[in-house]
Protein backbone atom coordinates (compact mmCIF):
# COMPACT_ATOMS: atom_id res chain seq x y z
CA UNK A 1 0.00 0.00 0.00
CA UNK A 2 1.34 3.45 -0.91
CA UNK A 3 2.19 5.76 1.94
CA UNK A 4 0.49 9.09 1.99
CA UNK A 5 2.58 12.21 2.10
CA UNK A 6 2.09 14.60 4.98
CA UNK A 7 0.37 17.02 2.55
CA UNK A 8 -2.34 14.52 1.58
CA UNK A 9 -5.28 14.70 3.99
CA UNK A 10 -7.30 11.64 4.91
CA UNK A 11 -10.71 11.21 3.28
CA UNK A 12 -12.78 12.82 6.02
CA UNK A 13 -10.47 15.83 6.33
CA UNK A 14 -10.37 16.31 2.55
CA UNK A 15 -14.14 16.03 2.24
CA UNK A 16 -14.73 18.52 5.07
CA UNK A 17 -12.29 20.99 3.53
CA UNK A 18 -13.87 20.51 0.10
CA UNK A 19 -17.36 21.20 1.47
CA UNK A 20 -16.14 24.38 3.18
CA UNK A 21 -14.35 25.47 0.01
CA UNK A 22 -17.49 24.98 -2.11
CA UNK A 23 -19.58 26.93 0.38
CA UNK A 24 -17.05 29.78 0.35
CA UNK A 25 -16.95 29.86 -3.45
CA UNK A 26 -20.75 29.80 -3.71
CA UNK A 27 -20.91 33.03 -1.72
CA UNK A 28 -19.26 34.78 -4.67
CA UNK A 29 -17.14 37.15 -2.59
CA UNK A 30 -13.75 35.93 -3.87
CA UNK A 31 -11.62 37.66 -6.46
CA UNK A 32 -10.98 35.86 -9.71
CA UNK A 33 -7.43 35.01 -8.63
CA UNK A 34 -8.60 33.65 -5.26
CA UNK A 35 -11.42 31.73 -6.96
CA UNK A 36 -8.90 30.06 -9.26
CA UNK A 37 -6.68 29.14 -6.32
CA UNK A 38 -9.65 27.71 -4.45
CA UNK A 39 -10.78 25.81 -7.55
CA UNK A 40 -7.30 24.31 -7.92
CA UNK A 41 -7.35 23.24 -4.27
CA UNK A 42 -10.80 21.74 -4.83
CA UNK A 43 -9.48 19.65 -7.71
CA UNK A 44 -6.63 18.40 -5.49
CA UNK A 45 -9.08 17.51 -2.71
CA UNK A 46 -11.43 15.77 -5.14
CA UNK A 47 -8.57 13.66 -6.47
CA UNK A 48 -7.49 12.79 -2.92
CA UNK A 49 -11.05 11.71 -2.09
CA UNK A 50 -11.33 9.66 -5.28
CA UNK A 51 -8.03 7.92 -4.53
CA UNK A 52 -9.10 7.16 -0.96
CA UNK A 53 -12.35 5.64 -2.22
CA UNK A 54 -10.47 3.62 -4.84
CA UNK A 55 -8.10 2.32 -2.17
CA UNK A 56 -11.02 1.38 0.06
CA UNK A 57 -12.74 -0.43 -2.81
CA UNK A 58 -9.58 -2.43 -3.51
CA UNK A 59 -9.33 -3.41 0.15
CA UNK A 60 -12.95 -4.57 0.15
CA UNK A 61 -12.34 -6.64 -2.99
CA UNK A 62 -9.32 -8.32 -1.40
CA UNK A 63 -11.29 -9.06 1.76
CA UNK A 64 -14.20 -10.53 -0.19
CA UNK A 65 -12.12 -12.85 -2.37
CA UNK A 66 -13.05 -16.49 -1.98
CA UNK A 67 -10.92 -19.27 -3.45
CA UNK A 68 -9.24 -16.80 -5.81
CA UNK A 69 -12.55 -15.54 -7.15
CA UNK A 70 -14.18 -12.28 -6.24
CA UNK A 71 -17.65 -12.58 -4.84
CA UNK A 72 -18.98 -9.03 -5.17
CA UNK A 73 -22.64 -8.24 -5.41
CA UNK A 74 -24.18 -4.97 -6.58
CA UNK A 75 -25.07 -2.57 -3.81
CA UNK A 76 -28.79 -2.03 -3.48
CA UNK A 77 -29.72 1.18 -1.70
CA UNK A 78 -33.00 0.69 0.17
CA UNK A 79 -33.42 4.48 0.43
CA UNK A 80 -33.32 5.01 -3.35
CA UNK A 81 -36.69 5.94 -4.90
PDB file of N, CA and C in Angstrom:
ATOM      1  N   UNK A   1       0.841  -1.173   0.000  1.00  0.00           N
ATOM      2  CA  UNK A   1       0.000   0.000   0.000  1.00  0.00           C
ATOM      3  C   UNK A   1       0.886   1.235   0.000  1.00  0.00           C
ATOM      4  N   UNK A   2       0.535   2.225  -0.821  1.00  0.00           N
ATOM      5  CA  UNK A   2       1.340   3.446  -0.911  1.00  0.00           C
ATOM      6  C   UNK A   2       1.146   4.298   0.336  1.00  0.00           C
ATOM      7  N   UNK A   3       2.268   4.870   0.775  1.00  0.00           N
ATOM      8  CA  UNK A   3       2.187   5.756   1.936  1.00  0.00           C
ATOM      9  C   UNK A   3       1.736   7.127   1.477  1.00  0.00           C
ATOM     10  N   UNK A   4       0.948   7.761   2.313  1.00  0.00           N
ATOM     11  CA  UNK A   4       0.487   9.093   1.994  1.00  0.00           C
ATOM     12  C   UNK A   4       1.505  10.108   2.469  1.00  0.00           C
ATOM     13  N   UNK A   5       1.674  11.152   1.671  1.00  0.00           N
ATOM     14  CA  UNK A   5       2.578  12.213   2.098  1.00  0.00           C
ATOM     15  C   UNK A   5       1.880  13.026   3.173  1.00  0.00           C
ATOM     16  N   UNK A   6       2.661  13.808   3.899  1.00  0.00           N
ATOM     17  CA  UNK A   6       2.089  14.600   4.981  1.00  0.00           C
ATOM     18  C   UNK A   6       1.157  15.688   4.449  1.00  0.00           C
ATOM     19  N   UNK A   7       1.237  16.000   3.142  1.00  0.00           N
ATOM     20  CA  UNK A   7       0.374  17.020   2.554  1.00  0.00           C
ATOM     21  C   UNK A   7      -0.971  16.461   2.112  1.00  0.00           C
ATOM     22  N   UNK A   8      -1.105  15.138   2.029  1.00  0.00           N
ATOM     23  CA  UNK A   8      -2.344  14.518   1.584  1.00  0.00           C
ATOM     24  C   UNK A   8      -3.234  14.238   2.790  1.00  0.00           C
ATOM     25  N   UNK A   9      -4.386  14.922   2.848  1.00  0.00           N
ATOM     26  CA  UNK A   9      -5.276  14.702   3.988  1.00  0.00           C
ATOM     27  C   UNK A   9      -6.006  13.369   3.862  1.00  0.00           C
ATOM     28  N   UNK A  10      -6.500  12.856   4.994  1.00  0.00           N
ATOM     29  CA  UNK A  10      -7.305  11.643   4.912  1.00  0.00           C
ATOM     30  C   UNK A  10      -8.663  12.006   4.297  1.00  0.00           C
ATOM     31  N   UNK A  11      -9.454  11.005   4.002  1.00  0.00           N
ATOM     32  CA  UNK A  11     -10.709  11.205   3.277  1.00  0.00           C
ATOM     33  C   UNK A  11     -11.637  12.185   3.999  1.00  0.00           C
ATOM     34  N   UNK A  12     -11.841  11.978   5.280  1.00  0.00           N
ATOM     35  CA  UNK A  12     -12.777  12.820   6.023  1.00  0.00           C
ATOM     36  C   UNK A  12     -12.319  14.271   6.077  1.00  0.00           C
ATOM     37  N   UNK A  13     -11.027  14.477   6.289  1.00  0.00           N
ATOM     38  CA  UNK A  13     -10.473  15.828   6.330  1.00  0.00           C
ATOM     39  C   UNK A  13     -10.606  16.503   4.970  1.00  0.00           C
ATOM     40  N   UNK A  14     -10.279  15.767   3.906  1.00  0.00           N
ATOM     41  CA  UNK A  14     -10.372  16.311   2.554  1.00  0.00           C
ATOM     42  C   UNK A  14     -11.811  16.658   2.204  1.00  0.00           C
ATOM     43  N   UNK A  15     -12.736  15.791   2.559  1.00  0.00           N
ATOM     44  CA  UNK A  15     -14.138  16.032   2.244  1.00  0.00           C
ATOM     45  C   UNK A  15     -14.677  17.247   3.003  1.00  0.00           C
ATOM     46  N   UNK A  16     -14.305  17.372   4.266  1.00  0.00           N
ATOM     47  CA  UNK A  16     -14.730  18.518   5.067  1.00  0.00           C
ATOM     48  C   UNK A  16     -14.178  19.817   4.486  1.00  0.00           C
ATOM     49  N   UNK A  17     -12.904  19.799   4.116  1.00  0.00           N
ATOM     50  CA  UNK A  17     -12.289  20.989   3.527  1.00  0.00           C
ATOM     51  C   UNK A  17     -12.937  21.323   2.186  1.00  0.00           C
ATOM     52  N   UNK A  18     -13.230  20.307   1.397  1.00  0.00           N
ATOM     53  CA  UNK A  18     -13.866  20.509   0.096  1.00  0.00           C
ATOM     54  C   UNK A  18     -15.257  21.125   0.262  1.00  0.00           C
ATOM     55  N   UNK A  19     -16.021  20.639   1.219  1.00  0.00           N
ATOM     56  CA  UNK A  19     -17.356  21.197   1.471  1.00  0.00           C
ATOM     57  C   UNK A  19     -17.280  22.663   1.883  1.00  0.00           C
ATOM     58  N   UNK A  20     -16.322  22.993   2.743  1.00  0.00           N
ATOM     59  CA  UNK A  20     -16.138  24.377   3.180  1.00  0.00           C
ATOM     60  C   UNK A  20     -15.712  25.263   2.010  1.00  0.00           C
ATOM     61  N   UNK A  21     -14.837  24.724   1.170  1.00  0.00           N
ATOM     62  CA  UNK A  21     -14.354  25.468   0.011  1.00  0.00           C
ATOM     63  C   UNK A  21     -15.504  25.766  -0.953  1.00  0.00           C
ATOM     64  N   UNK A  22     -16.348  24.787  -1.210  1.00  0.00           N
ATOM     65  CA  UNK A  22     -17.490  24.976  -2.110  1.00  0.00           C
ATOM     66  C   UNK A  22     -18.434  26.032  -1.543  1.00  0.00           C
ATOM     67  N   UNK A  23     -18.699  25.949  -0.261  1.00  0.00           N
ATOM     68  CA  UNK A  23     -19.577  26.926   0.378  1.00  0.00           C
ATOM     69  C   UNK A  23     -19.007  28.340   0.237  1.00  0.00           C
ATOM     70  N   UNK A  24     -17.714  28.475   0.458  1.00  0.00           N
ATOM     71  CA  UNK A  24     -17.045  29.777   0.351  1.00  0.00           C
ATOM     72  C   UNK A  24     -17.129  30.311  -1.075  1.00  0.00           C
ATOM     73  N   UNK A  25     -16.905  29.442  -2.055  1.00  0.00           N
ATOM     74  CA  UNK A  25     -16.952  29.865  -3.454  1.00  0.00           C
ATOM     75  C   UNK A  25     -18.370  30.225  -3.884  1.00  0.00           C
ATOM     76  N   UNK A  26     -19.361  29.520  -3.351  1.00  0.00           N
ATOM     77  CA  UNK A  26     -20.747  29.801  -3.709  1.00  0.00           C
ATOM     78  C   UNK A  26     -21.204  31.171  -3.232  1.00  0.00           C
ATOM     79  N   UNK A  27     -20.550  31.708  -2.219  1.00  0.00           N
ATOM     80  CA  UNK A  27     -20.912  33.028  -1.721  1.00  0.00           C
ATOM     81  C   UNK A  27     -20.567  34.118  -2.730  1.00  0.00           C
ATOM     82  N   UNK A  28     -19.597  33.853  -3.597  1.00  0.00           N
ATOM     83  CA  UNK A  28     -19.256  34.777  -4.672  1.00  0.00           C
ATOM     84  C   UNK A  28     -18.476  35.998  -4.251  1.00  0.00           C
ATOM     85  N   UNK A  29     -17.876  35.995  -3.081  1.00  0.00           N
ATOM     86  CA  UNK A  29     -17.141  37.154  -2.588  1.00  0.00           C
ATOM     87  C   UNK A  29     -15.648  37.111  -2.891  1.00  0.00           C
ATOM     88  N   UNK A  30     -15.185  36.093  -3.591  1.00  0.00           N
ATOM     89  CA  UNK A  30     -13.752  35.935  -3.866  1.00  0.00           C
ATOM     90  C   UNK A  30     -13.369  36.633  -5.163  1.00  0.00           C
ATOM     91  N   UNK A  31     -12.135  37.104  -5.212  1.00  0.00           N
ATOM     92  CA  UNK A  31     -11.616  37.661  -6.460  1.00  0.00           C
ATOM     93  C   UNK A  31     -11.411  36.517  -7.458  1.00  0.00           C
ATOM     94  N   UNK A  32     -11.205  36.874  -8.692  1.00  0.00           N
ATOM     95  CA  UNK A  32     -10.980  35.856  -9.707  1.00  0.00           C
ATOM     96  C   UNK A  32      -9.744  35.029  -9.374  1.00  0.00           C
ATOM     97  N   UNK A  33      -8.673  35.708  -8.968  1.00  0.00           N
ATOM     98  CA  UNK A  33      -7.434  35.013  -8.625  1.00  0.00           C
ATOM     99  C   UNK A  33      -7.650  34.046  -7.460  1.00  0.00           C
ATOM    100  N   UNK A  34      -8.330  34.507  -6.422  1.00  0.00           N
ATOM    101  CA  UNK A  34      -8.596  33.650  -5.263  1.00  0.00           C
ATOM    102  C   UNK A  34      -9.541  32.500  -5.638  1.00  0.00           C
ATOM    103  N   UNK A  35     -10.513  32.785  -6.494  1.00  0.00           N
ATOM    104  CA  UNK A  35     -11.419  31.727  -6.957  1.00  0.00           C
ATOM    105  C   UNK A  35     -10.658  30.640  -7.696  1.00  0.00           C
ATOM    106  N   UNK A  36      -9.703  31.036  -8.531  1.00  0.00           N
ATOM    107  CA  UNK A  36      -8.900  30.056  -9.264  1.00  0.00           C
ATOM    108  C   UNK A  36      -8.047  29.224  -8.308  1.00  0.00           C
ATOM    109  N   UNK A  37      -7.475  29.870  -7.309  1.00  0.00           N
ATOM    110  CA  UNK A  37      -6.676  29.136  -6.320  1.00  0.00           C
ATOM    111  C   UNK A  37      -7.547  28.144  -5.557  1.00  0.00           C
ATOM    112  N   UNK A  38      -8.736  28.581  -5.174  1.00  0.00           N
ATOM    113  CA  UNK A  38      -9.649  27.707  -4.450  1.00  0.00           C
ATOM    114  C   UNK A  38     -10.126  26.554  -5.329  1.00  0.00           C
ATOM    115  N   UNK A  39     -10.375  26.851  -6.609  1.00  0.00           N
ATOM    116  CA  UNK A  39     -10.783  25.806  -7.547  1.00  0.00           C
ATOM    117  C   UNK A  39      -9.684  24.759  -7.682  1.00  0.00           C
ATOM    118  N   UNK A  40      -8.442  25.229  -7.815  1.00  0.00           N
ATOM    119  CA  UNK A  40      -7.304  24.308  -7.921  1.00  0.00           C
ATOM    120  C   UNK A  40      -7.208  23.418  -6.683  1.00  0.00           C
ATOM    121  N   UNK A  41      -7.378  24.018  -5.515  1.00  0.00           N
ATOM    122  CA  UNK A  41      -7.351  23.239  -4.270  1.00  0.00           C
ATOM    123  C   UNK A  41      -8.501  22.226  -4.262  1.00  0.00           C
ATOM    124  N   UNK A  42      -9.654  22.644  -4.748  1.00  0.00           N
ATOM    125  CA  UNK A  42     -10.804  21.740  -4.826  1.00  0.00           C
ATOM    126  C   UNK A  42     -10.528  20.533  -5.703  1.00  0.00           C
ATOM    127  N   UNK A  43      -9.847  20.759  -6.814  1.00  0.00           N
ATOM    128  CA  UNK A  43      -9.482  19.647  -7.705  1.00  0.00           C
ATOM    129  C   UNK A  43      -8.545  18.693  -6.981  1.00  0.00           C
ATOM    130  N   UNK A  44      -7.566  19.241  -6.255  1.00  0.00           N
ATOM    131  CA  UNK A  44      -6.633  18.398  -5.488  1.00  0.00           C
ATOM    132  C   UNK A  44      -7.383  17.579  -4.445  1.00  0.00           C
ATOM    133  N   UNK A  45      -8.312  18.220  -3.742  1.00  0.00           N
ATOM    134  CA  UNK A  45      -9.082  17.515  -2.709  1.00  0.00           C
ATOM    135  C   UNK A  45      -9.971  16.436  -3.318  1.00  0.00           C
ATOM    136  N   UNK A  46     -10.581  16.747  -4.456  1.00  0.00           N
ATOM    137  CA  UNK A  46     -11.428  15.770  -5.135  1.00  0.00           C
ATOM    138  C   UNK A  46     -10.620  14.541  -5.539  1.00  0.00           C
ATOM    139  N   UNK A  47      -9.434  14.779  -6.067  1.00  0.00           N
ATOM    140  CA  UNK A  47      -8.572  13.656  -6.467  1.00  0.00           C
ATOM    141  C   UNK A  47      -8.154  12.835  -5.248  1.00  0.00           C
ATOM    142  N   UNK A  48      -7.864  13.510  -4.145  1.00  0.00           N
ATOM    143  CA  UNK A  48      -7.491  12.791  -2.921  1.00  0.00           C
ATOM    144  C   UNK A  48      -8.660  11.923  -2.441  1.00  0.00           C
ATOM    145  N   UNK A  49      -9.870  12.474  -2.501  1.00  0.00           N
ATOM    146  CA  UNK A  49     -11.052  11.708  -2.090  1.00  0.00           C
ATOM    147  C   UNK A  49     -11.289  10.520  -3.021  1.00  0.00           C
ATOM    148  N   UNK A  50     -11.155  10.745  -4.318  1.00  0.00           N
ATOM    149  CA  UNK A  50     -11.333   9.659  -5.277  1.00  0.00           C
ATOM    150  C   UNK A  50     -10.309   8.548  -5.055  1.00  0.00           C
ATOM    151  N   UNK A  51      -9.068   8.923  -4.772  1.00  0.00           N
ATOM    152  CA  UNK A  51      -8.027   7.922  -4.526  1.00  0.00           C
ATOM    153  C   UNK A  51      -8.321   7.145  -3.249  1.00  0.00           C
ATOM    154  N   UNK A  52      -8.773   7.841  -2.212  1.00  0.00           N
ATOM    155  CA  UNK A  52      -9.099   7.164  -0.956  1.00  0.00           C
ATOM    156  C   UNK A  52     -10.243   6.170  -1.159  1.00  0.00           C
ATOM    157  N   UNK A  53     -11.234   6.553  -1.942  1.00  0.00           N
ATOM    158  CA  UNK A  53     -12.347   5.644  -2.223  1.00  0.00           C
ATOM    159  C   UNK A  53     -11.894   4.452  -3.060  1.00  0.00           C
ATOM    160  N   UNK A  54     -11.009   4.703  -4.019  1.00  0.00           N
ATOM    161  CA  UNK A  54     -10.473   3.617  -4.841  1.00  0.00           C
ATOM    162  C   UNK A  54      -9.687   2.637  -3.977  1.00  0.00           C
ATOM    163  N   UNK A  55      -8.870   3.172  -3.077  1.00  0.00           N
ATOM    164  CA  UNK A  55      -8.096   2.317  -2.174  1.00  0.00           C
ATOM    165  C   UNK A  55      -9.010   1.479  -1.291  1.00  0.00           C
ATOM    166  N   UNK A  56     -10.068   2.093  -0.787  1.00  0.00           N
ATOM    167  CA  UNK A  56     -11.021   1.375   0.062  1.00  0.00           C
ATOM    168  C   UNK A  56     -11.720   0.270  -0.734  1.00  0.00           C
ATOM    169  N   UNK A  57     -12.088   0.576  -1.967  1.00  0.00           N
ATOM    170  CA  UNK A  57     -12.743  -0.430  -2.811  1.00  0.00           C
ATOM    171  C   UNK A  57     -11.815  -1.619  -3.051  1.00  0.00           C
ATOM    172  N   UNK A  58     -10.533  -1.341  -3.291  1.00  0.00           N
ATOM    173  CA  UNK A  58      -9.576  -2.426  -3.506  1.00  0.00           C
ATOM    174  C   UNK A  58      -9.430  -3.286  -2.255  1.00  0.00           C
ATOM    175  N   UNK A  59      -9.420  -2.657  -1.095  1.00  0.00           N
ATOM    176  CA  UNK A  59      -9.327  -3.407   0.155  1.00  0.00           C
ATOM    177  C   UNK A  59     -10.546  -4.308   0.340  1.00  0.00           C
ATOM    178  N   UNK A  60     -11.717  -3.782   0.024  1.00  0.00           N
ATOM    179  CA  UNK A  60     -12.947  -4.571   0.145  1.00  0.00           C
ATOM    180  C   UNK A  60     -12.896  -5.762  -0.806  1.00  0.00           C
ATOM    181  N   UNK A  61     -12.430  -5.540  -2.021  1.00  0.00           N
ATOM    182  CA  UNK A  61     -12.337  -6.638  -2.987  1.00  0.00           C
ATOM    183  C   UNK A  61     -11.402  -7.730  -2.495  1.00  0.00           C
ATOM    184  N   UNK A  62     -10.273  -7.340  -1.934  1.00  0.00           N
ATOM    185  CA  UNK A  62      -9.325  -8.324  -1.403  1.00  0.00           C
ATOM    186  C   UNK A  62      -9.966  -9.101  -0.261  1.00  0.00           C
ATOM    187  N   UNK A  63     -10.657  -8.405   0.619  1.00  0.00           N
ATOM    188  CA  UNK A  63     -11.285  -9.059   1.759  1.00  0.00           C
ATOM    189  C   UNK A  63     -12.417 -10.006   1.353  1.00  0.00           C
ATOM    190  N   UNK A  64     -13.055  -9.717   0.231  1.00  0.00           N
ATOM    191  CA  UNK A  64     -14.195 -10.530  -0.193  1.00  0.00           C
ATOM    192  C   UNK A  64     -13.817 -11.666  -1.142  1.00  0.00           C
ATOM    193  N   UNK A  65     -12.532 -11.771  -1.478  1.00  0.00           N
ATOM    194  CA  UNK A  65     -12.116 -12.847  -2.369  1.00  0.00           C
ATOM    195  C   UNK A  65     -12.318 -14.197  -1.691  1.00  0.00           C
ATOM    196  N   UNK A  66     -12.848 -15.127  -2.476  1.00  0.00           N
ATOM    197  CA  UNK A  66     -13.051 -16.488  -1.977  1.00  0.00           C
ATOM    198  C   UNK A  66     -12.477 -17.448  -3.005  1.00  0.00           C
ATOM    199  N   UNK A  67     -11.534 -18.273  -2.578  1.00  0.00           N
ATOM    200  CA  UNK A  67     -10.918 -19.266  -3.454  1.00  0.00           C
ATOM    201  C   UNK A  67     -10.396 -18.645  -4.745  1.00  0.00           C
ATOM    202  N   UNK A  68      -9.813 -17.446  -4.637  1.00  0.00           N
ATOM    203  CA  UNK A  68      -9.240 -16.798  -5.811  1.00  0.00           C
ATOM    204  C   UNK A  68     -10.252 -16.117  -6.701  1.00  0.00           C
ATOM    205  N   UNK A  69     -11.525 -16.189  -6.350  1.00  0.00           N
ATOM    206  CA  UNK A  69     -12.555 -15.537  -7.153  1.00  0.00           C
ATOM    207  C   UNK A  69     -13.242 -14.474  -6.310  1.00  0.00           C
ATOM    208  N   UNK A  70     -13.512 -13.358  -6.941  1.00  0.00           N
ATOM    209  CA  UNK A  70     -14.180 -12.278  -6.236  1.00  0.00           C
ATOM    210  C   UNK A  70     -15.669 -12.544  -6.188  1.00  0.00           C
ATOM    211  N   UNK A  71     -16.222 -12.358  -5.025  1.00  0.00           N
ATOM    212  CA  UNK A  71     -17.651 -12.576  -4.839  1.00  0.00           C
ATOM    213  C   UNK A  71     -18.307 -11.256  -4.462  1.00  0.00           C
ATOM    214  N   UNK A  72     -18.360 -10.331  -5.424  1.00  0.00           N
ATOM    215  CA  UNK A  72     -18.981  -9.033  -5.168  1.00  0.00           C
ATOM    216  C   UNK A  72     -20.404  -9.034  -5.708  1.00  0.00           C
ATOM    217  N   UNK A  73     -21.259  -8.381  -4.982  1.00  0.00           N
ATOM    218  CA  UNK A  73     -22.642  -8.239  -5.410  1.00  0.00           C
ATOM    219  C   UNK A  73     -22.956  -6.764  -5.525  1.00  0.00           C
ATOM    220  N   UNK A  74     -23.828  -6.383  -6.449  1.00  0.00           N
ATOM    221  CA  UNK A  74     -24.183  -4.973  -6.585  1.00  0.00           C
ATOM    222  C   UNK A  74     -24.825  -4.452  -5.311  1.00  0.00           C
ATOM    223  N   UNK A  75     -24.498  -3.228  -4.987  1.00  0.00           N
ATOM    224  CA  UNK A  75     -25.069  -2.575  -3.811  1.00  0.00           C
ATOM    225  C   UNK A  75     -26.475  -2.120  -4.146  1.00  0.00           C
ATOM    226  N   UNK A  76     -27.425  -2.465  -3.290  1.00  0.00           N
ATOM    227  CA  UNK A  76     -28.795  -2.031  -3.480  1.00  0.00           C
ATOM    228  C   UNK A  76     -29.133  -1.079  -2.343  1.00  0.00           C
ATOM    229  N   UNK A  77     -29.410   0.167  -2.700  1.00  0.00           N
ATOM    230  CA  UNK A  77     -29.722   1.178  -1.702  1.00  0.00           C
ATOM    231  C   UNK A  77     -31.220   1.151  -1.437  1.00  0.00           C
ATOM    232  N   UNK A  78     -31.580   0.771  -0.203  1.00  0.00           N
ATOM    233  CA  UNK A  78     -32.996   0.690   0.168  1.00  0.00           C
ATOM    234  C   UNK A  78     -33.660   2.054   0.170  1.00  0.00           C
ATOM    235  N   UNK A  79     -32.859   3.121   0.353  1.00  0.00           N
ATOM    236  CA  UNK A  79     -33.421   4.476   0.431  1.00  0.00           C
ATOM    237  C   UNK A  79     -33.663   5.089  -0.934  1.00  0.00           C
ATOM    238  N   UNK A  80     -33.153   4.453  -2.001  1.00  0.00           N
ATOM    239  CA  UNK A  80     -33.322   5.008  -3.346  1.00  0.00           C
ATOM    240  C   UNK A  80     -34.789   4.911  -3.766  1.00  0.00           C
ATOM    241  N   UNK A  81     -35.286   5.953  -4.453  1.00  0.00           N
ATOM    242  CA  UNK A  81     -36.689   5.936  -4.901  1.00  0.00           C
ATOM    243  C   UNK A  81     -36.935   4.949  -5.997  1.00  0.00           C
TER     244      UNK A  81
END
